[in-house]
Structures are given as C-alpha cells and as structure tokens.
C-alpha cells in the first residue's frame, strides 16, 4: 500500500530557503530547481518505502519516532504514521550543520 507524503510548514519554509540560497549562490534558478527535484524525488520514494531512512544519531530524535533520509548534503527528518499510512516530513536541513535544534 502506498503512503501519503505531507510536509510541515517548517519543512516547506526550509525547502524554500534552500532553493533561494542555491539560486543566489549559483546564480541560476535552474540549478536550484534541479537540486529541489532531487530532494523531492528522494522524499517521494518514501511513499513506497516509508522506512527507507535510518534512525537519527541523536537518541532523543529516535525516541520521538523520527527517521532521517540522506539526500546529498541534506537530511530530511520524517515520521511514519501507520494508522493513517502517512509520512510527515518535519524538516530538511543541511547535514553539515548541528541539526538537533533545527527540527
């Protein structure tokens, strides 16, 4: 059975900020949108494989039910709700940053 994928407002805002940052850094909206497509594709795989990601390295996030999917230099934190067959993406953060307080 396929799961529905939803995103929090925070995750949407983070993706928007990421896209704008890449556009400014590269000077190309096309490059920014291609990277966004990579993230969207990877997250889309969770519809068929909701447990594709691993547990986060911080035990507090693991205890809260988060899983994390690595997409190049970014991490997508999400939770799976089996009763509603939903994957909720809570945050998309730069893997090189200290992310515990960004979620």
PDB file of N, CA and C in Angstrom:
ATOM      1  N   UNK A   1       0.836  -1.185   0.000  1.00  0.00           N
ATOM      2  CA  UNK A   1       0.000   0.000   0.000  1.00  0.00           C
ATOM      3  C   UNK A   1       0.880   1.247   0.000  1.00  0.00           C
ATOM      4  N   UNK A   2       0.507   2.209  -0.785  1.00  0.00           N
ATOM      5  CA  UNK A   2       1.267   3.445  -0.891  1.00  0.00           C
ATOM      6  C   UNK A   2       0.880   4.418   0.227  1.00  0.00           C
ATOM      7  N   UNK A   3       1.875   5.096   0.772  1.00  0.00           N
ATOM      8  CA  UNK A   3       1.678   6.076   1.825  1.00  0.00           C
ATOM      9  C   UNK A   3       1.527   7.466   1.211  1.00  0.00           C
ATOM     10  N   UNK A   4       0.816   8.328   1.916  1.00  0.00           N
ATOM     11  CA  UNK A   4       0.695   9.724   1.532  1.00  0.00           C
ATOM     12  C   UNK A   4       1.862  10.478   2.157  1.00  0.00           C
ATOM     13  N   UNK A   5       2.437  11.395   1.418  1.00  0.00           N
ATOM     14  CA  UNK A   5       3.539  12.197   1.931  1.00  0.00           C
ATOM     15  C   UNK A   5       3.055  13.627   2.140  1.00  0.00           C
ATOM     16  N   UNK A   6       3.251  14.123   3.347  1.00  0.00           N
ATOM     17  CA  UNK A   6       2.909  15.500   3.698  1.00  0.00           C
ATOM     18  C   UNK A   6       4.155  16.175   4.252  1.00  0.00           C
ATOM     19  N   UNK A   7       4.134  17.506   4.265  1.00  0.00           N
ATOM     20  CA  UNK A   7       5.242  18.284   4.840  1.00  0.00           C
ATOM     21  C   UNK A   7       4.681  19.308   5.803  1.00  0.00           C
ATOM     22  N   UNK A   8       5.431  19.552   6.856  1.00  0.00           N
ATOM     23  CA  UNK A   8       5.059  20.618   7.782  1.00  0.00           C
ATOM     24  C   UNK A   8       5.372  21.963   7.129  1.00  0.00           C
ATOM     25  N   UNK A   9       4.808  23.014   7.701  1.00  0.00           N
ATOM     26  CA  UNK A   9       5.132  24.358   7.216  1.00  0.00           C
ATOM     27  C   UNK A   9       6.621  24.633   7.369  1.00  0.00           C
ATOM     28  N   UNK A  10       7.206  24.136   8.453  1.00  0.00           N
ATOM     29  CA  UNK A  10       8.632  24.331   8.685  1.00  0.00           C
ATOM     30  C   UNK A  10       9.450  23.709   7.558  1.00  0.00           C
ATOM     31  N   UNK A  11       9.106  22.482   7.161  1.00  0.00           N
ATOM     32  CA  UNK A  11       9.822  21.808   6.068  1.00  0.00           C
ATOM     33  C   UNK A  11       9.644  22.583   4.765  1.00  0.00           C
ATOM     34  N   UNK A  12       8.440  23.062   4.506  1.00  0.00           N
ATOM     35  CA  UNK A  12       8.204  23.865   3.300  1.00  0.00           C
ATOM     36  C   UNK A  12       9.049  25.133   3.309  1.00  0.00           C
ATOM     37  N   UNK A  13       9.102  25.798   4.463  1.00  0.00           N
ATOM     38  CA  UNK A  13       9.912  27.017   4.574  1.00  0.00           C
ATOM     39  C   UNK A  13      11.394  26.710   4.361  1.00  0.00           C
ATOM     40  N   UNK A  14      11.868  25.607   4.931  1.00  0.00           N
ATOM     41  CA  UNK A  14      13.273  25.237   4.776  1.00  0.00           C
ATOM     42  C   UNK A  14      13.610  24.934   3.319  1.00  0.00           C
ATOM     43  N   UNK A  15      12.716  24.272   2.620  1.00  0.00           N
ATOM     44  CA  UNK A  15      12.946  23.984   1.201  1.00  0.00           C
ATOM     45  C   UNK A  15      12.962  25.276   0.377  1.00  0.00           C
ATOM     46  N   UNK A  16      12.074  26.193   0.714  1.00  0.00           N
ATOM     47  CA  UNK A  16      12.046  27.480   0.010  1.00  0.00           C
ATOM     48  C   UNK A  16      13.349  28.243   0.249  1.00  0.00           C
ATOM     49  N   UNK A  17      13.800  28.286   1.509  1.00  0.00           N
ATOM     50  CA  UNK A  17      15.052  28.972   1.838  1.00  0.00           C
ATOM     51  C   UNK A  17      16.238  28.314   1.141  1.00  0.00           C
ATOM     52  N   UNK A  18      16.237  26.995   1.100  1.00  0.00           N
ATOM     53  CA  UNK A  18      17.319  26.266   0.429  1.00  0.00           C
ATOM     54  C   UNK A  18      17.354  26.606  -1.057  1.00  0.00           C
ATOM     55  N   UNK A  19      16.205  26.617  -1.680  1.00  0.00           N
ATOM     56  CA  UNK A  19      16.125  26.936  -3.102  1.00  0.00           C
ATOM     57  C   UNK A  19      16.642  28.349  -3.361  1.00  0.00           C
ATOM     58  N   UNK A  20      16.241  29.296  -2.531  1.00  0.00           N
ATOM     59  CA  UNK A  20      16.694  30.679  -2.694  1.00  0.00           C
ATOM     60  C   UNK A  20      18.202  30.795  -2.466  1.00  0.00           C
ATOM     61  N   UNK A  21      18.718  30.065  -1.481  1.00  0.00           N
ATOM     62  CA  UNK A  21      20.156  30.102  -1.215  1.00  0.00           C
ATOM     63  C   UNK A  21      20.949  29.561  -2.410  1.00  0.00           C
ATOM     64  N   UNK A  22      20.512  28.420  -2.946  1.00  0.00           N
ATOM     65  CA  UNK A  22      21.222  27.829  -4.086  1.00  0.00           C
ATOM     66  C   UNK A  22      21.144  28.761  -5.291  1.00  0.00           C
ATOM     67  N   UNK A  23      19.994  29.383  -5.492  1.00  0.00           N
ATOM     68  CA  UNK A  23      19.840  30.328  -6.601  1.00  0.00           C
ATOM     69  C   UNK A  23      20.829  31.489  -6.454  1.00  0.00           C
ATOM     70  N   UNK A  24      20.931  32.030  -5.244  1.00  0.00           N
ATOM     71  CA  UNK A  24      21.851  33.149  -5.023  1.00  0.00           C
ATOM     72  C   UNK A  24      23.302  32.705  -5.149  1.00  0.00           C
ATOM     73  N   UNK A  25      23.614  31.544  -4.600  1.00  0.00           N
ATOM     74  CA  UNK A  25      24.985  31.057  -4.597  1.00  0.00           C
ATOM     75  C   UNK A  25      25.459  30.683  -6.004  1.00  0.00           C
ATOM     76  N   UNK A  26      24.582  30.045  -6.767  1.00  0.00           N
ATOM     77  CA  UNK A  26      24.967  29.572  -8.096  1.00  0.00           C
ATOM     78  C   UNK A  26      24.664  30.591  -9.190  1.00  0.00           C
ATOM     79  N   UNK A  27      23.740  31.515  -8.888  1.00  0.00           N
ATOM     80  CA  UNK A  27      23.318  32.475  -9.904  1.00  0.00           C
ATOM     81  C   UNK A  27      22.334  31.896 -10.894  1.00  0.00           C
ATOM     82  N   UNK A  28      21.790  30.716 -10.571  1.00  0.00           N
ATOM     83  CA  UNK A  28      20.900  30.049 -11.516  1.00  0.00           C
ATOM     84  C   UNK A  28      19.704  29.416 -10.804  1.00  0.00           C
ATOM     85  N   UNK A  29      18.510  29.849 -11.194  1.00  0.00           N
ATOM     86  CA  UNK A  29      17.301  29.234 -10.652  1.00  0.00           C
ATOM     87  C   UNK A  29      17.177  27.799 -11.160  1.00  0.00           C
ATOM     88  N   UNK A  30      17.677  27.534 -12.353  1.00  0.00           N
ATOM     89  CA  UNK A  30      17.621  26.191 -12.925  1.00  0.00           C
ATOM     90  C   UNK A  30      18.390  25.203 -12.044  1.00  0.00           C
ATOM     91  N   UNK A  31      19.568  25.587 -11.603  1.00  0.00           N
ATOM     92  CA  UNK A  31      20.370  24.720 -10.730  1.00  0.00           C
ATOM     93  C   UNK A  31      19.634  24.492  -9.410  1.00  0.00           C
ATOM     94  N   UNK A  32      19.049  25.548  -8.861  1.00  0.00           N
ATOM     95  CA  UNK A  32      18.310  25.435  -7.605  1.00  0.00           C
ATOM     96  C   UNK A  32      17.125  24.491  -7.756  1.00  0.00           C
ATOM     97  N   UNK A  33      16.401  24.612  -8.854  1.00  0.00           N
ATOM     98  CA  UNK A  33      15.239  23.752  -9.071  1.00  0.00           C
ATOM     99  C   UNK A  33      15.639  22.298  -9.315  1.00  0.00           C
ATOM    100  N   UNK A  34      16.778  22.084  -9.966  1.00  0.00           N
ATOM    101  CA  UNK A  34      17.256  20.705 -10.166  1.00  0.00           C
ATOM    102  C   UNK A  34      17.578  20.049  -8.832  1.00  0.00           C
ATOM    103  N   UNK A  35      18.194  20.798  -7.920  1.00  0.00           N
ATOM    104  CA  UNK A  35      18.501  20.248  -6.607  1.00  0.00           C
ATOM    105  C   UNK A  35      17.215  19.979  -5.823  1.00  0.00           C
ATOM    106  N   UNK A  36      16.266  20.888  -5.915  1.00  0.00           N
ATOM    107  CA  UNK A  36      14.970  20.686  -5.278  1.00  0.00           C
ATOM    108  C   UNK A  36      14.297  19.427  -5.817  1.00  0.00           C
ATOM    109  N   UNK A  37      14.402  19.188  -7.111  1.00  0.00           N
ATOM    110  CA  UNK A  37      13.836  17.979  -7.714  1.00  0.00           C
ATOM    111  C   UNK A  37      14.488  16.721  -7.149  1.00  0.00           C
ATOM    112  N   UNK A  38      15.802  16.752  -6.899  1.00  0.00           N
ATOM    113  CA  UNK A  38      16.482  15.605  -6.281  1.00  0.00           C
ATOM    114  C   UNK A  38      15.903  15.311  -4.908  1.00  0.00           C
ATOM    115  N   UNK A  39      15.681  16.366  -4.146  1.00  0.00           N
ATOM    116  CA  UNK A  39      15.103  16.186  -2.812  1.00  0.00           C
ATOM    117  C   UNK A  39      13.689  15.639  -2.921  1.00  0.00           C
ATOM    118  N   UNK A  40      12.889  16.221  -3.791  1.00  0.00           N
ATOM    119  CA  UNK A  40      11.504  15.775  -3.977  1.00  0.00           C
ATOM    120  C   UNK A  40      11.446  14.316  -4.430  1.00  0.00           C
ATOM    121  N   UNK A  41      12.349  13.937  -5.317  1.00  0.00           N
ATOM    122  CA  UNK A  41      12.384  12.547  -5.797  1.00  0.00           C
ATOM    123  C   UNK A  41      12.711  11.588  -4.651  1.00  0.00           C
ATOM    124  N   UNK A  42      13.745  11.929  -3.877  1.00  0.00           N
ATOM    125  CA  UNK A  42      14.150  11.063  -2.769  1.00  0.00           C
ATOM    126  C   UNK A  42      13.029  10.934  -1.739  1.00  0.00           C
ATOM    127  N   UNK A  43      12.402  12.049  -1.394  1.00  0.00           N
ATOM    128  CA  UNK A  43      11.302  12.019  -0.438  1.00  0.00           C
ATOM    129  C   UNK A  43      10.116  11.239  -1.031  1.00  0.00           C
ATOM    130  N   UNK A  44       9.912  11.360  -2.317  1.00  0.00           N
ATOM    131  CA  UNK A  44       8.834  10.622  -2.984  1.00  0.00           C
ATOM    132  C   UNK A  44       8.979   9.118  -2.880  1.00  0.00           C
ATOM    133  N   UNK A  45      10.202   8.637  -2.753  1.00  0.00           N
ATOM    134  CA  UNK A  45      10.427   7.198  -2.588  1.00  0.00           C
ATOM    135  C   UNK A  45       9.815   6.667  -1.298  1.00  0.00           C
ATOM    136  N   UNK A  46       9.612   7.551  -0.344  1.00  0.00           N
ATOM    137  CA  UNK A  46       9.035   7.135   0.937  1.00  0.00           C
ATOM    138  C   UNK A  46       7.581   6.690   0.805  1.00  0.00           C
ATOM    139  N   UNK A  47       6.914   7.085  -0.264  1.00  0.00           N
ATOM    140  CA  UNK A  47       5.532   6.647  -0.478  1.00  0.00           C
ATOM    141  C   UNK A  47       5.460   5.131  -0.607  1.00  0.00           C
ATOM    142  N   UNK A  48       6.454   4.546  -1.241  1.00  0.00           N
ATOM    143  CA  UNK A  48       6.507   3.089  -1.413  1.00  0.00           C
ATOM    144  C   UNK A  48       7.353   2.409  -0.347  1.00  0.00           C
ATOM    145  N   UNK A  49       8.326   3.150   0.192  1.00  0.00           N
ATOM    146  CA  UNK A  49       9.284   2.577   1.156  1.00  0.00           C
ATOM    147  C   UNK A  49       9.440   3.529   2.339  1.00  0.00           C
ATOM    148  N   UNK A  50       8.430   3.610   3.213  1.00  0.00           N
ATOM    149  CA  UNK A  50       8.456   4.605   4.282  1.00  0.00           C
ATOM    150  C   UNK A  50       9.585   4.421   5.304  1.00  0.00           C
ATOM    151  N   UNK A  51      10.155   3.241   5.372  1.00  0.00           N
ATOM    152  CA  UNK A  51      11.239   3.009   6.331  1.00  0.00           C
ATOM    153  C   UNK A  51      12.605   2.995   5.654  1.00  0.00           C
ATOM    154  N   UNK A  52      12.686   3.630   4.501  1.00  0.00           N
ATOM    155  CA  UNK A  52      13.926   3.713   3.735  1.00  0.00           C
ATOM    156  C   UNK A  52      15.025   4.431   4.509  1.00  0.00           C
ATOM    157  N   UNK A  53      14.666   5.462   5.233  1.00  0.00           N
ATOM    158  CA  UNK A  53      15.639   6.225   6.009  1.00  0.00           C
ATOM    159  C   UNK A  53      16.099   5.452   7.237  1.00  0.00           C
ATOM    160  N   UNK A  54      17.124   5.988   7.858  1.00  0.00           N
ATOM    161  CA  UNK A  54      17.685   5.355   9.058  1.00  0.00           C
ATOM    162  C   UNK A  54      17.225   6.127  10.288  1.00  0.00           C
ATOM    163  N   UNK A  55      17.590   5.599  11.453  1.00  0.00           N
ATOM    164  CA  UNK A  55      17.330   6.342  12.683  1.00  0.00           C
ATOM    165  C   UNK A  55      18.353   7.464  12.808  1.00  0.00           C
ATOM    166  N   UNK A  56      17.945   8.601  13.368  1.00  0.00           N
ATOM    167  CA  UNK A  56      18.898   9.699  13.565  1.00  0.00           C
ATOM    168  C   UNK A  56      19.945   9.334  14.614  1.00  0.00           C
ATOM    169  N   UNK A  57      21.055  10.042  14.588  1.00  0.00           N
ATOM    170  CA  UNK A  57      22.135   9.729  15.521  1.00  0.00           C
ATOM    171  C   UNK A  57      21.814  10.166  16.946  1.00  0.00           C
ATOM    172  N   UNK A  58      20.935  11.150  17.107  1.00  0.00           N
ATOM    173  CA  UNK A  58      20.565  11.596  18.446  1.00  0.00           C
ATOM    174  C   UNK A  58      19.427  10.733  18.978  1.00  0.00           C
ATOM    175  N   UNK A  59      19.643  10.151  20.152  1.00  0.00           N
ATOM    176  CA  UNK A  59      18.644   9.237  20.711  1.00  0.00           C
ATOM    177  C   UNK A  59      17.325   9.944  21.019  1.00  0.00           C
ATOM    178  N   UNK A  60      17.366  11.227  21.354  1.00  0.00           N
ATOM    179  CA  UNK A  60      16.127  11.948  21.646  1.00  0.00           C
ATOM    180  C   UNK A  60      15.228  12.005  20.412  1.00  0.00           C
ATOM    181  N   UNK A  61      15.830  12.181  19.236  1.00  0.00           N
ATOM    182  CA  UNK A  61      15.041  12.195  17.997  1.00  0.00           C
ATOM    183  C   UNK A  61      14.525  10.797  17.670  1.00  0.00           C
ATOM    184  N   UNK A  62      15.338   9.798  17.920  1.00  0.00           N
ATOM    185  CA  UNK A  62      14.927   8.413  17.697  1.00  0.00           C
ATOM    186  C   UNK A  62      13.741   8.068  18.597  1.00  0.00           C
ATOM    187  N   UNK A  63      13.820   8.454  19.873  1.00  0.00           N
ATOM    188  CA  UNK A  63      12.729   8.177  20.823  1.00  0.00           C
ATOM    189  C   UNK A  63      11.446   8.885  20.428  1.00  0.00           C
ATOM    190  N   UNK A  64      11.567  10.019  19.745  1.00  0.00           N
ATOM    191  CA  UNK A  64      10.383  10.762  19.300  1.00  0.00           C
ATOM    192  C   UNK A  64       9.800  10.187  18.010  1.00  0.00           C
ATOM    193  N   UNK A  65      10.448   9.153  17.462  1.00  0.00           N
ATOM    194  CA  UNK A  65       9.911   8.481  16.286  1.00  0.00           C
ATOM    195  C   UNK A  65      10.404   8.991  14.948  1.00  0.00           C
ATOM    196  N   UNK A  66      11.425   9.839  14.967  1.00  0.00           N
ATOM    197  CA  UNK A  66      11.948  10.361  13.702  1.00  0.00           C
ATOM    198  C   UNK A  66      12.785   9.321  12.976  1.00  0.00           C
ATOM    199  N   UNK A  67      12.767   9.434  11.667  1.00  0.00           N
ATOM    200  CA  UNK A  67      13.692   8.738  10.795  1.00  0.00           C
ATOM    201  C   UNK A  67      14.330   9.824   9.934  1.00  0.00           C
ATOM    202  N   UNK A  68      15.466   9.506   9.326  1.00  0.00           N
ATOM    203  CA  UNK A  68      16.162  10.520   8.537  1.00  0.00           C
ATOM    204  C   UNK A  68      16.608   9.921   7.209  1.00  0.00           C
ATOM    205  N   UNK A  69      16.382  10.674   6.154  1.00  0.00           N
ATOM    206  CA  UNK A  69      16.768  10.281   4.806  1.00  0.00           C
ATOM    207  C   UNK A  69      17.866  11.236   4.345  1.00  0.00           C
ATOM    208  N   UNK A  70      19.005  10.685   3.928  1.00  0.00           N
ATOM    209  CA  UNK A  70      20.121  11.496   3.461  1.00  0.00           C
ATOM    210  C   UNK A  70      19.982  11.745   1.970  1.00  0.00           C
ATOM    211  N   UNK A  71      20.057  13.021   1.594  1.00  0.00           N
ATOM    212  CA  UNK A  71      19.950  13.431   0.193  1.00  0.00           C
ATOM    213  C   UNK A  71      21.119  14.380  -0.069  1.00  0.00           C
ATOM    214  N   UNK A  72      22.192  13.842  -0.635  1.00  0.00           N
ATOM    215  CA  UNK A  72      23.430  14.591  -0.841  1.00  0.00           C
ATOM    216  C   UNK A  72      23.863  15.248   0.464  1.00  0.00           C
ATOM    217  N   UNK A  73      23.860  16.595   0.532  1.00  0.00           N
ATOM    218  CA  UNK A  73      24.295  17.302   1.735  1.00  0.00           C
ATOM    219  C   UNK A  73      23.155  17.660   2.682  1.00  0.00           C
ATOM    220  N   UNK A  74      21.987  17.080   2.465  1.00  0.00           N
ATOM    221  CA  UNK A  74      20.832  17.440   3.275  1.00  0.00           C
ATOM    222  C   UNK A  74      20.195  16.210   3.916  1.00  0.00           C
ATOM    223  N   UNK A  75      19.506  16.472   5.008  1.00  0.00           N
ATOM    224  CA  UNK A  75      18.814  15.427   5.750  1.00  0.00           C
ATOM    225  C   UNK A  75      17.335  15.782   5.826  1.00  0.00           C
ATOM    226  N   UNK A  76      16.494  14.832   5.479  1.00  0.00           N
ATOM    227  CA  UNK A  76      15.048  15.017   5.612  1.00  0.00           C
ATOM    228  C   UNK A  76      14.589  14.186   6.811  1.00  0.00           C
ATOM    229  N   UNK A  77      14.062  14.865   7.815  1.00  0.00           N
ATOM    230  CA  UNK A  77      13.569  14.197   9.014  1.00  0.00           C
ATOM    231  C   UNK A  77      12.067  13.994   8.877  1.00  0.00           C
ATOM    232  N   UNK A  78      11.624  12.783   9.159  1.00  0.00           N
ATOM    233  CA  UNK A  78      10.218  12.459   8.966  1.00  0.00           C
ATOM    234  C   UNK A  78       9.756  11.427   9.985  1.00  0.00           C
ATOM    235  N   UNK A  79       8.433  11.314  10.085  1.00  0.00           N
ATOM    236  CA  UNK A  79       7.802  10.303  10.928  1.00  0.00           C
ATOM    237  C   UNK A  79       6.788   9.548  10.081  1.00  0.00           C
ATOM    238  N   UNK A  80       6.647   8.276  10.387  1.00  0.00           N
ATOM    239  CA  UNK A  80       5.681   7.422   9.697  1.00  0.00           C
ATOM    240  C   UNK A  80       4.504   7.185  10.626  1.00  0.00           C
ATOM    241  N   UNK A  81       3.301   7.417  10.122  1.00  0.00           N
ATOM    242  CA  UNK A  81       2.087   7.132  10.881  1.00  0.00           C
ATOM    243  C   UNK A  81       1.415   5.939  10.211  1.00  0.00           C
ATOM    244  N   UNK A  82       1.508   4.796  10.845  1.00  0.00           N
ATOM    245  CA  UNK A  82       0.955   3.571  10.256  1.00  0.00           C
ATOM    246  C   UNK A  82      -0.570   3.581  10.205  1.00  0.00           C
ATOM    247  N   UNK A  83      -1.217   4.199  11.187  1.00  0.00           N
ATOM    248  CA  UNK A  83      -2.683   4.160  11.208  1.00  0.00           C
ATOM    249  C   UNK A  83      -3.300   4.956  10.056  1.00  0.00           C
ATOM    250  N   UNK A  84      -2.624   6.033   9.636  1.00  0.00           N
ATOM    251  CA  UNK A  84      -3.151   6.830   8.518  1.00  0.00           C
ATOM    252  C   UNK A  84      -2.374   6.601   7.226  1.00  0.00           C
ATOM    253  N   UNK A  85      -1.346   5.750   7.299  1.00  0.00           N
ATOM    254  CA  UNK A  85      -0.478   5.478   6.140  1.00  0.00           C
ATOM    255  C   UNK A  85       0.065   6.787   5.566  1.00  0.00           C
ATOM    256  N   UNK A  86       0.633   7.587   6.478  1.00  0.00           N
ATOM    257  CA  UNK A  86       1.168   8.895   6.114  1.00  0.00           C
ATOM    258  C   UNK A  86       2.625   9.013   6.535  1.00  0.00           C
ATOM    259  N   UNK A  87       3.418   9.652   5.687  1.00  0.00           N
ATOM    260  CA  UNK A  87       4.782  10.036   6.019  1.00  0.00           C
ATOM    261  C   UNK A  87       4.764  11.554   6.123  1.00  0.00           C
ATOM    262  N   UNK A  88       5.135  12.066   7.298  1.00  0.00           N
ATOM    263  CA  UNK A  88       5.152  13.508   7.504  1.00  0.00           C
ATOM    264  C   UNK A  88       6.592  13.980   7.606  1.00  0.00           C
ATOM    265  N   UNK A  89       7.008  14.799   6.630  1.00  0.00           N
ATOM    266  CA  UNK A  89       8.353  15.371   6.622  1.00  0.00           C
ATOM    267  C   UNK A  89       8.320  16.601   7.522  1.00  0.00           C
ATOM    268  N   UNK A  90       9.144  16.566   8.567  1.00  0.00           N
ATOM    269  CA  UNK A  90       9.169  17.644   9.559  1.00  0.00           C
ATOM    270  C   UNK A  90      10.210  18.705   9.255  1.00  0.00           C
ATOM    271  N   UNK A  91      11.336  18.296   8.650  1.00  0.00           N
ATOM    272  CA  UNK A  91      12.417  19.253   8.418  1.00  0.00           C
ATOM    273  C   UNK A  91      13.348  18.740   7.330  1.00  0.00           C
ATOM    274  N   UNK A  92      13.958  19.684   6.617  1.00  0.00           N
ATOM    275  CA  UNK A  92      15.014  19.384   5.655  1.00  0.00           C
ATOM    276  C   UNK A  92      16.161  20.327   5.985  1.00  0.00           C
ATOM    277  N   UNK A  93      17.269  19.755   6.473  1.00  0.00           N
ATOM    278  CA  UNK A  93      18.370  20.578   6.974  1.00  0.00           C
ATOM    279  C   UNK A  93      19.689  20.172   6.338  1.00  0.00           C
ATOM    280  N   UNK A  94      20.633  21.088   6.400  1.00  0.00           N
ATOM    281  CA  UNK A  94      21.979  20.840   5.899  1.00  0.00           C
ATOM    282  C   UNK A  94      22.669  19.857   6.838  1.00  0.00           C
ATOM    283  N   UNK A  95      23.178  18.774   6.306  1.00  0.00           N
ATOM    284  CA  UNK A  95      23.807  17.721   7.111  1.00  0.00           C
ATOM    285  C   UNK A  95      25.091  18.199   7.771  1.00  0.00           C
ATOM    286  N   UNK A  96      25.660  19.276   7.273  1.00  0.00           N
ATOM    287  CA  UNK A  96      26.920  19.774   7.816  1.00  0.00           C
ATOM    288  C   UNK A  96      26.714  20.679   9.024  1.00  0.00           C
ATOM    289  N   UNK A  97      25.476  20.990   9.322  1.00  0.00           N
ATOM    290  CA  UNK A  97      25.165  21.854  10.471  1.00  0.00           C
ATOM    291  C   UNK A  97      24.729  21.005  11.652  1.00  0.00           C
ATOM    292  N   UNK A  98      24.781  21.584  12.811  1.00  0.00           N
ATOM    293  CA  UNK A  98      24.254  20.924  14.008  1.00  0.00           C
ATOM    294  C   UNK A  98      22.732  21.031  13.915  1.00  0.00           C
ATOM    295  N   UNK A  99      22.079  19.910  13.681  1.00  0.00           N
ATOM    296  CA  UNK A  99      20.656  19.945  13.335  1.00  0.00           C
ATOM    297  C   UNK A  99      19.697  19.662  14.472  1.00  0.00           C
ATOM    298  N   UNK A 100      20.171  19.264  15.616  1.00  0.00           N
ATOM    299  CA  UNK A 100      19.278  18.862  16.704  1.00  0.00           C
ATOM    300  C   UNK A 100      18.227  19.916  17.011  1.00  0.00           C
ATOM    301  N   UNK A 101      18.615  21.178  17.007  1.00  0.00           N
ATOM    302  CA  UNK A 101      17.670  22.248  17.371  1.00  0.00           C
ATOM    303  C   UNK A 101      16.995  22.882  16.167  1.00  0.00           C
ATOM    304  N   UNK A 102      17.222  22.334  14.981  1.00  0.00           N
ATOM    305  CA  UNK A 102      16.596  22.867  13.773  1.00  0.00           C
ATOM    306  C   UNK A 102      15.290  22.149  13.423  1.00  0.00           C
ATOM    307  N   UNK A 103      15.017  21.077  14.129  1.00  0.00           N
ATOM    308  CA  UNK A 103      13.854  20.245  13.777  1.00  0.00           C
ATOM    309  C   UNK A 103      12.615  20.703  14.492  1.00  0.00           C
TER     310      UNK A 103
END
